[in-house]
PDB file of all heavy atoms in Angstrom:
ATOM      1  N   ASP A   1     100.753 103.764  83.241  1.00  0.00           N
ATOM      2  CA  ASP A   1     101.505 104.038  81.933  1.00  0.00           C
ATOM      3  C   ASP A   1     101.726 105.523  81.775  1.00  0.00           C
ATOM      4  O   ASP A   1     100.786 106.274  81.964  1.00  0.00           O
ATOM      5  CB  ASP A   1     100.723 103.388  80.820  1.00  0.00           C
ATOM      6  CG  ASP A   1     100.711 101.902  80.785  1.00  0.00           C
ATOM      7  OD1 ASP A   1     101.388 101.368  81.633  1.00  0.00           O
ATOM      8  OD2 ASP A   1      99.985 101.339  79.907  1.00  0.00           O
ATOM      9  N   GLY A   2     102.933 105.881  81.343  1.00  0.00           N
ATOM     10  CA  GLY A   2     103.174 107.299  81.095  1.00  0.00           C
ATOM     11  C   GLY A   2     103.611 108.058  82.317  1.00  0.00           C
ATOM     12  O   GLY A   2     104.082 109.176  82.201  1.00  0.00           O
ATOM     13  N   VAL A   3     103.556 107.440  83.443  1.00  0.00           N
ATOM     14  CA  VAL A   3     104.035 108.127  84.773  1.00  0.00           C
ATOM     15  C   VAL A   3     105.441 107.583  85.028  1.00  0.00           C
ATOM     16  O   VAL A   3     105.545 106.277  85.070  1.00  0.00           O
ATOM     17  CB  VAL A   3     103.120 107.703  85.946  1.00  0.00           C
ATOM     18  CG1 VAL A   3     103.609 108.437  87.240  1.00  0.00           C
ATOM     19  CG2 VAL A   3     101.659 108.251  85.757  1.00  0.00           C
ATOM     20  N   PRO A   4     106.400 108.446  85.030  1.00  0.00           N
ATOM     21  CA  PRO A   4     107.792 108.027  85.252  1.00  0.00           C
ATOM     22  C   PRO A   4     107.906 107.250  86.628  1.00  0.00           C
ATOM     23  O   PRO A   4     107.184 107.564  87.592  1.00  0.00           O
ATOM     24  CB  PRO A   4     108.521 109.182  85.258  1.00  0.00           C
ATOM     25  CG  PRO A   4     107.790 110.308  84.621  1.00  0.00           C
ATOM     26  CD  PRO A   4     106.282 109.837  84.930  1.00  0.00           C
ATOM     27  N   GLU A   5     108.751 106.164  86.511  1.00  0.00           N
ATOM     28  CA  GLU A   5     108.886 105.297  87.674  1.00  0.00           C
ATOM     29  C   GLU A   5     109.338 106.079  88.880  1.00  0.00           C
ATOM     30  O   GLU A   5     108.854 105.837  90.057  1.00  0.00           O
ATOM     31  CB  GLU A   5     109.876 104.169  87.416  1.00  0.00           C
ATOM     32  CG  GLU A   5     109.931 103.125  88.485  1.00  0.00           C
ATOM     33  CD  GLU A   5     110.774 101.898  88.112  1.00  0.00           C
ATOM     34  OE1 GLU A   5     110.957 101.668  86.908  1.00  0.00           O
ATOM     35  OE2 GLU A   5     111.254 101.194  89.022  1.00  0.00           O
ATOM     36  N   ARG A   6     110.138 107.028  88.747  1.00  0.00           N
ATOM     37  CA  ARG A   6     110.562 108.013  89.870  1.00  0.00           C
ATOM     38  C   ARG A   6     109.377 108.631  90.471  1.00  0.00           C
ATOM     39  O   ARG A   6     109.333 108.690  91.711  1.00  0.00           O
ATOM     40  CB  ARG A   6     111.556 109.039  89.292  1.00  0.00           C
ATOM     41  CG  ARG A   6     112.022 110.007  90.312  1.00  0.00           C
ATOM     42  CD  ARG A   6     112.875 111.134  89.644  1.00  0.00           C
ATOM     43  NE  ARG A   6     112.129 111.884  88.581  1.00  0.00           N
ATOM     44  CZ  ARG A   6     111.168 112.782  88.796  1.00  0.00           C
ATOM     45  NH1 ARG A   6     110.856 113.086  89.990  1.00  0.00           N
ATOM     46  NH2 ARG A   6     110.652 113.318  87.747  1.00  0.00           N
ATOM     47  N   VAL A   7     108.472 109.115  89.728  1.00  0.00           N
ATOM     48  CA  VAL A   7     107.312 109.657  90.256  1.00  0.00           C
ATOM     49  C   VAL A   7     106.368 108.608  91.035  1.00  0.00           C
ATOM     50  O   VAL A   7     105.910 109.022  92.135  1.00  0.00           O
ATOM     51  CB  VAL A   7     106.443 110.465  89.294  1.00  0.00           C
ATOM     52  CG1 VAL A   7     105.129 110.972  89.704  1.00  0.00           C
ATOM     53  CG2 VAL A   7     107.235 111.518  88.582  1.00  0.00           C
ATOM     54  N   ARG A   8     106.253 107.567  90.533  1.00  0.00           N
ATOM     55  CA  ARG A   8     105.467 106.487  91.156  1.00  0.00           C
ATOM     56  C   ARG A   8     106.034 106.124  92.528  1.00  0.00           C
ATOM     57  O   ARG A   8     105.535 105.920  93.530  1.00  0.00           O
ATOM     58  CB  ARG A   8     105.374 105.212  90.234  1.00  0.00           C
ATOM     59  CG  ARG A   8     104.467 105.429  89.050  1.00  0.00           C
ATOM     60  CD  ARG A   8     104.331 104.063  88.246  1.00  0.00           C
ATOM     61  NE  ARG A   8     105.619 103.646  87.809  1.00  0.00           N
ATOM     62  CZ  ARG A   8     105.866 102.961  86.648  1.00  0.00           C
ATOM     63  NH1 ARG A   8     104.833 102.603  86.040  1.00  0.00           N
ATOM     64  NH2 ARG A   8     107.057 102.678  86.308  1.00  0.00           N
ATOM     65  N   ASP A   9     107.351 106.075  92.540  1.00  0.00           N
ATOM     66  CA  ASP A   9     108.147 105.619  93.749  1.00  0.00           C
ATOM     67  C   ASP A   9     107.974 106.699  94.724  1.00  0.00           C
ATOM     68  O   ASP A   9     107.764 106.464  95.963  1.00  0.00           O
ATOM     69  CB  ASP A   9     109.611 105.327  93.497  1.00  0.00           C
ATOM     70  CG  ASP A   9     109.761 104.012  92.648  1.00  0.00           C
ATOM     71  OD1 ASP A   9     108.890 103.178  92.692  1.00  0.00           O
ATOM     72  OD2 ASP A   9     110.896 103.848  92.175  1.00  0.00           O
ATOM     73  N   GLU A  10     107.998 107.970  94.389  1.00  0.00           N
ATOM     74  CA  GLU A  10     107.846 109.116  95.283  1.00  0.00           C
ATOM     75  C   GLU A  10     106.537 109.089  96.006  1.00  0.00           C
ATOM     76  O   GLU A  10     106.297 109.309  97.194  1.00  0.00           O
ATOM     77  CB  GLU A  10     108.153 110.401  94.594  1.00  0.00           C
ATOM     78  CG  GLU A  10     109.609 110.749  94.182  1.00  0.00           C
ATOM     79  CD  GLU A  10     109.620 112.045  93.426  1.00  0.00           C
ATOM     80  OE1 GLU A  10     108.738 112.845  93.265  1.00  0.00           O
ATOM     81  OE2 GLU A  10     110.806 112.135  92.903  1.00  0.00           O
ATOM     82  N   VAL A  11     105.429 108.821  95.139  1.00  0.00           N
ATOM     83  CA  VAL A  11     104.113 108.769  95.661  1.00  0.00           C
ATOM     84  C   VAL A  11     104.000 107.737  96.603  1.00  0.00           C
ATOM     85  O   VAL A  11     103.412 108.001  97.733  1.00  0.00           O
ATOM     86  CB  VAL A  11     103.047 108.591  94.550  1.00  0.00           C
ATOM     87  CG1 VAL A  11     101.628 108.244  95.017  1.00  0.00           C
ATOM     88  CG2 VAL A  11     102.992 109.895  93.566  1.00  0.00           C
ATOM     89  N   ARG A  12     104.437 106.533  96.373  1.00  0.00           N
ATOM     90  CA  ARG A  12     104.331 105.452  97.322  1.00  0.00           C
ATOM     91  C   ARG A  12     105.059 105.562  98.511  1.00  0.00           C
ATOM     92  O   ARG A  12     104.745 105.331  99.687  1.00  0.00           O
ATOM     93  CB  ARG A  12     104.807 104.094  96.564  1.00  0.00           C
ATOM     94  CG  ARG A  12     103.759 103.686  95.545  1.00  0.00           C
ATOM     95  CD  ARG A  12     104.276 102.488  94.780  1.00  0.00           C
ATOM     96  NE  ARG A  12     103.314 102.063  93.850  1.00  0.00           N
ATOM     97  CZ  ARG A  12     103.625 101.870  92.569  1.00  0.00           C
ATOM     98  NH1 ARG A  12     104.756 101.852  92.124  1.00  0.00           N
ATOM     99  NH2 ARG A  12     102.683 101.453  91.677  1.00  0.00           N
ATOM    100  N   HIS A  13     106.377 106.197  98.367  1.00  0.00           N
ATOM    101  CA  HIS A  13     107.196 106.513  99.517  1.00  0.00           C
ATOM    102  C   HIS A  13     106.627 107.469 100.456  1.00  0.00           C
ATOM    103  O   HIS A  13     106.754 107.313 101.725  1.00  0.00           O
ATOM    104  CB  HIS A  13     108.665 106.997  99.041  1.00  0.00           C
ATOM    105  CG  HIS A  13     109.539 107.264 100.219  1.00  0.00           C
ATOM    106  ND1 HIS A  13     110.137 106.301 100.832  1.00  0.00           N
ATOM    107  CD2 HIS A  13     109.965 108.492 100.661  1.00  0.00           C
ATOM    108  CE1 HIS A  13     110.956 106.897 101.816  1.00  0.00           C
ATOM    109  NE2 HIS A  13     110.866 108.243 101.691  1.00  0.00           N
ATOM    110  N   ARG A  14     105.893 108.454  99.972  1.00  0.00           N
ATOM    111  CA  ARG A  14     105.257 109.533 100.798  1.00  0.00           C
ATOM    112  C   ARG A  14     104.297 108.852 101.751  1.00  0.00           C
ATOM    113  O   ARG A  14     104.176 109.180 102.939  1.00  0.00           O
ATOM    114  CB  ARG A  14     104.661 110.581  99.985  1.00  0.00           C
ATOM    115  CG  ARG A  14     105.547 111.663  99.652  1.00  0.00           C
ATOM    116  CD  ARG A  14     104.844 112.862  99.054  1.00  0.00           C
ATOM    117  NE  ARG A  14     103.881 112.563  97.973  1.00  0.00           N
ATOM    118  CZ  ARG A  14     104.124 112.841  96.730  1.00  0.00           C
ATOM    119  NH1 ARG A  14     105.363 113.312  96.402  1.00  0.00           N
ATOM    120  NH2 ARG A  14     103.388 112.583  95.804  1.00  0.00           N
ATOM    121  N   PHE A  15     103.476 107.866 101.235  1.00  0.00           N
ATOM    122  CA  PHE A  15     102.458 107.227 101.981  1.00  0.00           C
ATOM    123  C   PHE A  15     103.243 106.420 103.044  1.00  0.00           C
ATOM    124  O   PHE A  15     102.893 106.401 104.267  1.00  0.00           O
ATOM    125  CB  PHE A  15     101.581 106.312 101.250  1.00  0.00           C
ATOM    126  CG  PHE A  15     100.758 105.357 102.084  1.00  0.00           C
ATOM    127  CD1 PHE A  15      99.693 105.815 102.813  1.00  0.00           C
ATOM    128  CD2 PHE A  15     101.214 103.989 102.193  1.00  0.00           C
ATOM    129  CE1 PHE A  15      98.922 104.984 103.643  1.00  0.00           C
ATOM    130  CE2 PHE A  15     100.380 103.214 102.997  1.00  0.00           C
ATOM    131  CZ  PHE A  15      99.333 103.678 103.744  1.00  0.00           C
ATOM    132  N   VAL A  16     104.218 105.512 102.665  1.00  0.00           N
ATOM    133  CA  VAL A  16     104.941 104.721 103.614  1.00  0.00           C
ATOM    134  C   VAL A  16     105.502 105.476 104.729  1.00  0.00           C
ATOM    135  O   VAL A  16     105.493 105.183 105.885  1.00  0.00           O
ATOM    136  CB  VAL A  16     105.924 103.821 102.893  1.00  0.00           C
ATOM    137  CG1 VAL A  16     106.722 103.064 103.883  1.00  0.00           C
ATOM    138  CG2 VAL A  16     105.158 102.748 101.995  1.00  0.00           C
ATOM    139  N   GLU A  17     106.127 106.589 104.313  1.00  0.00           N
ATOM    140  CA  GLU A  17     106.849 107.446 105.380  1.00  0.00           C
ATOM    141  C   GLU A  17     105.747 108.066 106.351  1.00  0.00           C
ATOM    142  O   GLU A  17     106.004 108.070 107.464  1.00  0.00           O
ATOM    143  CB  GLU A  17     107.660 108.546 104.590  1.00  0.00           C
ATOM    144  CG  GLU A  17     108.431 109.313 105.429  1.00  0.00           C
ATOM    145  CD  GLU A  17     109.268 110.301 104.600  1.00  0.00           C
ATOM    146  OE1 GLU A  17     108.714 111.404 104.357  1.00  0.00           O
ATOM    147  OE2 GLU A  17     110.437 109.984 104.204  1.00  0.00           O
ATOM    148  N   ALA A  18     104.715 108.534 105.827  1.00  0.00           N
ATOM    149  CA  ALA A  18     103.707 109.187 106.633  1.00  0.00           C
ATOM    150  C   ALA A  18     103.094 108.194 107.604  1.00  0.00           C
ATOM    151  O   ALA A  18     103.000 108.497 108.772  1.00  0.00           O
ATOM    152  CB  ALA A  18     102.619 109.845 105.790  1.00  0.00           C
ATOM    153  N   ILE A  19     102.819 107.024 107.128  1.00  0.00           N
ATOM    154  CA  ILE A  19     102.014 106.059 107.953  1.00  0.00           C
ATOM    155  C   ILE A  19     102.961 105.299 108.790  1.00  0.00           C
ATOM    156  O   ILE A  19     102.521 104.777 109.930  1.00  0.00           O
ATOM    157  CB  ILE A  19     101.086 105.127 107.099  1.00  0.00           C
ATOM    158  CG1 ILE A  19     100.025 104.607 107.968  1.00  0.00           C
ATOM    159  CG2 ILE A  19     101.940 104.160 106.377  1.00  0.00           C
ATOM    160  CD1 ILE A  19      99.017 105.506 108.676  1.00  0.00           C
ATOM    161  N   SER A  20     104.107 105.032 108.425  1.00  0.00           N
ATOM    162  CA  SER A  20     105.161 104.292 109.159  1.00  0.00           C
ATOM    163  C   SER A  20     105.365 104.943 110.583  1.00  0.00           C
ATOM    164  O   SER A  20     105.611 104.262 111.588  1.00  0.00           O
ATOM    165  CB  SER A  20     106.362 104.046 108.458  1.00  0.00           C
ATOM    166  OG  SER A  20     106.137 103.125 107.383  1.00  0.00           O
ATOM    167  N   ALA A  21     105.368 106.268 110.572  1.00  0.00           N
ATOM    168  CA  ALA A  21     105.657 107.028 111.839  1.00  0.00           C
ATOM    169  C   ALA A  21     104.650 106.637 112.865  1.00  0.00           C
ATOM    170  O   ALA A  21     104.890 106.798 114.068  1.00  0.00           O
ATOM    171  CB  ALA A  21     105.856 108.425 111.482  1.00  0.00           C
ATOM    172  N   SER A  22     103.393 106.433 112.390  1.00  0.00           N
ATOM    173  CA  SER A  22     102.337 106.263 113.340  1.00  0.00           C
ATOM    174  C   SER A  22     102.393 104.744 114.009  1.00  0.00           C
ATOM    175  O   SER A  22     101.765 104.685 115.066  1.00  0.00           O
ATOM    176  CB  SER A  22     100.944 106.433 112.736  1.00  0.00           C
ATOM    177  OG  SER A  22     100.755 105.244 111.843  1.00  0.00           O
ATOM    178  N   GLY A  23     103.205 103.875 113.453  1.00  0.00           N
ATOM    179  CA  GLY A  23     103.257 102.586 114.008  1.00  0.00           C
ATOM    180  C   GLY A  23     101.977 101.673 113.738  1.00  0.00           C
ATOM    181  O   GLY A  23     101.818 100.580 114.180  1.00  0.00           O
ATOM    182  N   GLU A  24     101.062 102.159 112.880  1.00  0.00           N
ATOM    183  CA  GLU A  24      99.852 101.434 112.543  1.00  0.00           C
ATOM    184  C   GLU A  24     100.059 100.387 111.424  1.00  0.00           C
ATOM    185  O   GLU A  24      99.230  99.467 111.412  1.00  0.00           O
ATOM    186  CB  GLU A  24      98.809 102.427 112.199  1.00  0.00           C
ATOM    187  CG  GLU A  24      98.329 103.252 113.272  1.00  0.00           C
ATOM    188  CD  GLU A  24      97.484 104.442 112.854  1.00  0.00           C
ATOM    189  OE1 GLU A  24      97.827 105.249 111.994  1.00  0.00           O
ATOM    190  OE2 GLU A  24      96.374 104.486 113.301  1.00  0.00           O
ATOM    191  N   VAL A  25     101.113 100.431 110.607  1.00  0.00           N
ATOM    192  CA  VAL A  25     101.279  99.446 109.652  1.00  0.00           C
ATOM    193  C   VAL A  25     102.057  98.304 110.202  1.00  0.00           C
ATOM    194  O   VAL A  25     103.138  98.471 110.808  1.00  0.00           O
ATOM    195  CB  VAL A  25     102.051 100.057 108.405  1.00  0.00           C
ATOM    196  CG1 VAL A  25     102.524  98.915 107.453  1.00  0.00           C
ATOM    197  CG2 VAL A  25     101.309 101.095 107.726  1.00  0.00           C
ATOM    198  N   LEU A  26     101.390  97.172 110.145  1.00  0.00           N
ATOM    199  CA  LEU A  26     102.038  95.851 110.611  1.00  0.00           C
ATOM    200  C   LEU A  26     102.838  95.149 109.531  1.00  0.00           C
ATOM    201  O   LEU A  26     103.714  94.442 109.762  1.00  0.00           O
ATOM    202  CB  LEU A  26     100.968  95.063 111.196  1.00  0.00           C
ATOM    203  CG  LEU A  26     100.178  95.592 112.356  1.00  0.00           C
ATOM    204  CD1 LEU A  26      99.135  94.611 112.892  1.00  0.00           C
ATOM    205  CD2 LEU A  26     101.142  95.964 113.487  1.00  0.00           C
ATOM    206  N   GLY A  27     102.433  95.366 108.237  1.00  0.00           N
ATOM    207  CA  GLY A  27     103.064  94.665 107.219  1.00  0.00           C
ATOM    208  C   GLY A  27     102.445  95.130 105.840  1.00  0.00           C
ATOM    209  O   GLY A  27     101.438  95.790 105.708  1.00  0.00           O
ATOM    210  N   ARG A  28     103.225  94.760 104.775  1.00  0.00           N
ATOM    211  CA  ARG A  28     102.780  95.039 103.387  1.00  0.00           C
ATOM    212  C   ARG A  28     103.158  93.927 102.556  1.00  0.00           C
ATOM    213  O   ARG A  28     104.265  93.275 102.737  1.00  0.00           O
ATOM    214  CB  ARG A  28     103.141  96.424 102.906  1.00  0.00           C
ATOM    215  CG  ARG A  28     104.556  96.617 102.583  1.00  0.00           C
ATOM    216  CD  ARG A  28     105.002  97.993 102.174  1.00  0.00           C
ATOM    217  NE  ARG A  28     106.320  97.994 101.769  1.00  0.00           N
ATOM    218  CZ  ARG A  28     106.801  98.822 100.883  1.00  0.00           C
ATOM    219  NH1 ARG A  28     106.086  99.580 100.240  1.00  0.00           N
ATOM    220  NH2 ARG A  28     108.085  98.797 100.562  1.00  0.00           N
ATOM    221  N   VAL A  29     102.431  93.766 101.377  1.00  0.00           N
ATOM    222  CA  VAL A  29     102.771  92.743 100.482  1.00  0.00           C
ATOM    223  C   VAL A  29     102.555  93.338  99.038  1.00  0.00           C
ATOM    224  O   VAL A  29     101.542  94.161  98.722  1.00  0.00           O
ATOM    225  CB  VAL A  29     101.859  91.679 100.529  1.00  0.00           C
ATOM    226  CG1 VAL A  29     101.940  90.599  99.348  1.00  0.00           C
ATOM    227  CG2 VAL A  29     101.883  90.871 101.833  1.00  0.00           C
ATOM    228  N   VAL A  30     103.561  93.210  98.100  1.00  0.00           N
ATOM    229  CA  VAL A  30     103.408  93.567  96.813  1.00  0.00           C
ATOM    230  C   VAL A  30     103.386  92.427  95.893  1.00  0.00           C
ATOM    231  O   VAL A  30     104.223  91.609  96.002  1.00  0.00           O
ATOM    232  CB  VAL A  30     104.593  94.562  96.429  1.00  0.00           C
ATOM    233  CG1 VAL A  30     104.570  94.865  94.905  1.00  0.00           C
ATOM    234  CG2 VAL A  30     104.739  95.832  97.255  1.00  0.00           C
ATOM    235  N   LEU A  31     102.387  92.291  95.119  1.00  0.00           N
ATOM    236  CA  LEU A  31     102.211  91.084  94.304  1.00  0.00           C
ATOM    237  C   LEU A  31     102.789  91.298  92.896  1.00  0.00           C
ATOM    238  O   LEU A  31     102.820  92.290  92.341  1.00  0.00           O
ATOM    239  CB  LEU A  31     100.708  90.750  94.142  1.00  0.00           C
ATOM    240  CG  LEU A  31      99.958  90.496  95.476  1.00  0.00           C
ATOM    241  CD1 LEU A  31      98.509  90.315  95.223  1.00  0.00           C
ATOM    242  CD2 LEU A  31     100.490  89.241  96.184  1.00  0.00           C
ATOM    243  N   GLY A  32     103.184  90.081  92.315  1.00  0.00           N
ATOM    244  CA  GLY A  32     103.708  90.116  90.931  1.00  0.00           C
ATOM    245  C   GLY A  32     102.604  90.258  89.998  1.00  0.00           C
ATOM    246  O   GLY A  32     101.358  90.298  90.392  1.00  0.00           O
ATOM    247  N   ASP A  33     102.808  90.504  88.721  1.00  0.00           N
ATOM    248  CA  ASP A  33     101.731  90.762  87.691  1.00  0.00           C
ATOM    249  C   ASP A  33     100.780  89.493  87.776  1.00  0.00           C
ATOM    250  O   ASP A  33     101.188  88.361  87.841  1.00  0.00           O
ATOM    251  CB  ASP A  33     102.511  90.693  86.325  1.00  0.00           C
ATOM    252  CG  ASP A  33     101.502  91.255  85.257  1.00  0.00           C
ATOM    253  OD1 ASP A  33     100.864  90.329  84.696  1.00  0.00           O
ATOM    254  OD2 ASP A  33     101.382  92.379  85.117  1.00  0.00           O
ATOM    255  N   PHE A  34      99.488  89.891  87.625  1.00  0.00           N
ATOM    256  CA  PHE A  34      98.451  88.888  87.616  1.00  0.00           C
ATOM    257  C   PHE A  34      98.625  87.839  86.579  1.00  0.00           C
ATOM    258  O   PHE A  34      98.121  86.704  86.712  1.00  0.00           O
ATOM    259  CB  PHE A  34      97.065  89.606  87.462  1.00  0.00           C
ATOM    260  CG  PHE A  34      96.765  90.141  86.090  1.00  0.00           C
ATOM    261  CD1 PHE A  34      96.144  89.280  85.219  1.00  0.00           C
ATOM    262  CD2 PHE A  34      97.215  91.366  85.748  1.00  0.00           C
ATOM    263  CE1 PHE A  34      95.797  89.743  83.932  1.00  0.00           C
ATOM    264  CE2 PHE A  34      96.907  91.873  84.437  1.00  0.00           C
ATOM    265  CZ  PHE A  34      96.235  91.079  83.605  1.00  0.00           C
ATOM    266  N   SER A  35      99.218  88.181  85.415  1.00  0.00           N
ATOM    267  CA  SER A  35      99.348  87.171  84.386  1.00  0.00           C
ATOM    268  C   SER A  35     100.220  85.988  84.823  1.00  0.00           C
ATOM    269  O   SER A  35     100.237  84.957  84.132  1.00  0.00           O
ATOM    270  CB  SER A  35     100.003  87.806  83.120  1.00  0.00           C
ATOM    271  OG  SER A  35     101.330  88.247  83.439  1.00  0.00           O
ATOM    272  N   HIS A  36     100.990  86.149  85.933  1.00  0.00           N
ATOM    273  CA  HIS A  36     101.795  85.004  86.404  1.00  0.00           C
ATOM    274  C   HIS A  36     100.990  84.161  87.350  1.00  0.00           C
ATOM    275  O   HIS A  36     101.567  83.188  88.051  1.00  0.00           O
ATOM    276  CB  HIS A  36     103.143  85.484  86.965  1.00  0.00           C
ATOM    277  CG  HIS A  36     103.965  86.212  85.939  1.00  0.00           C
ATOM    278  ND1 HIS A  36     104.687  85.558  84.911  1.00  0.00           N
ATOM    279  CD2 HIS A  36     104.180  87.477  85.830  1.00  0.00           C
ATOM    280  CE1 HIS A  36     105.299  86.437  84.255  1.00  0.00           C
ATOM    281  NE2 HIS A  36     105.025  87.705  84.825  1.00  0.00           N
ATOM    282  N   GLY A  37      99.806  84.589  87.843  1.00  0.00           N
ATOM    283  CA  GLY A  37      98.914  83.954  88.717  1.00  0.00           C
ATOM    284  C   GLY A  37      98.383  82.624  88.254  1.00  0.00           C
ATOM    285  O   GLY A  37      98.383  82.425  87.006  1.00  0.00           O
ATOM    286  N   ALA A  38      97.889  81.832  89.059  1.00  0.00           N
ATOM    287  CA  ALA A  38      97.121  80.548  88.684  1.00  0.00           C
ATOM    288  C   ALA A  38      96.016  80.247  89.769  1.00  0.00           C
ATOM    289  O   ALA A  38      96.169  80.656  90.829  1.00  0.00           O
ATOM    290  CB  ALA A  38      98.080  79.428  88.577  1.00  0.00           C
TER     291      ALA A  38
END
């Protein structure tokens, strides 16, 4: 909360970019809000 979406996306993108080059990431999953879980 309070962190602009653009900044959040940049932070996540830096990690994905850095680690993707190594070939070590086989996959990723982003989950929906926990309130929609059962």
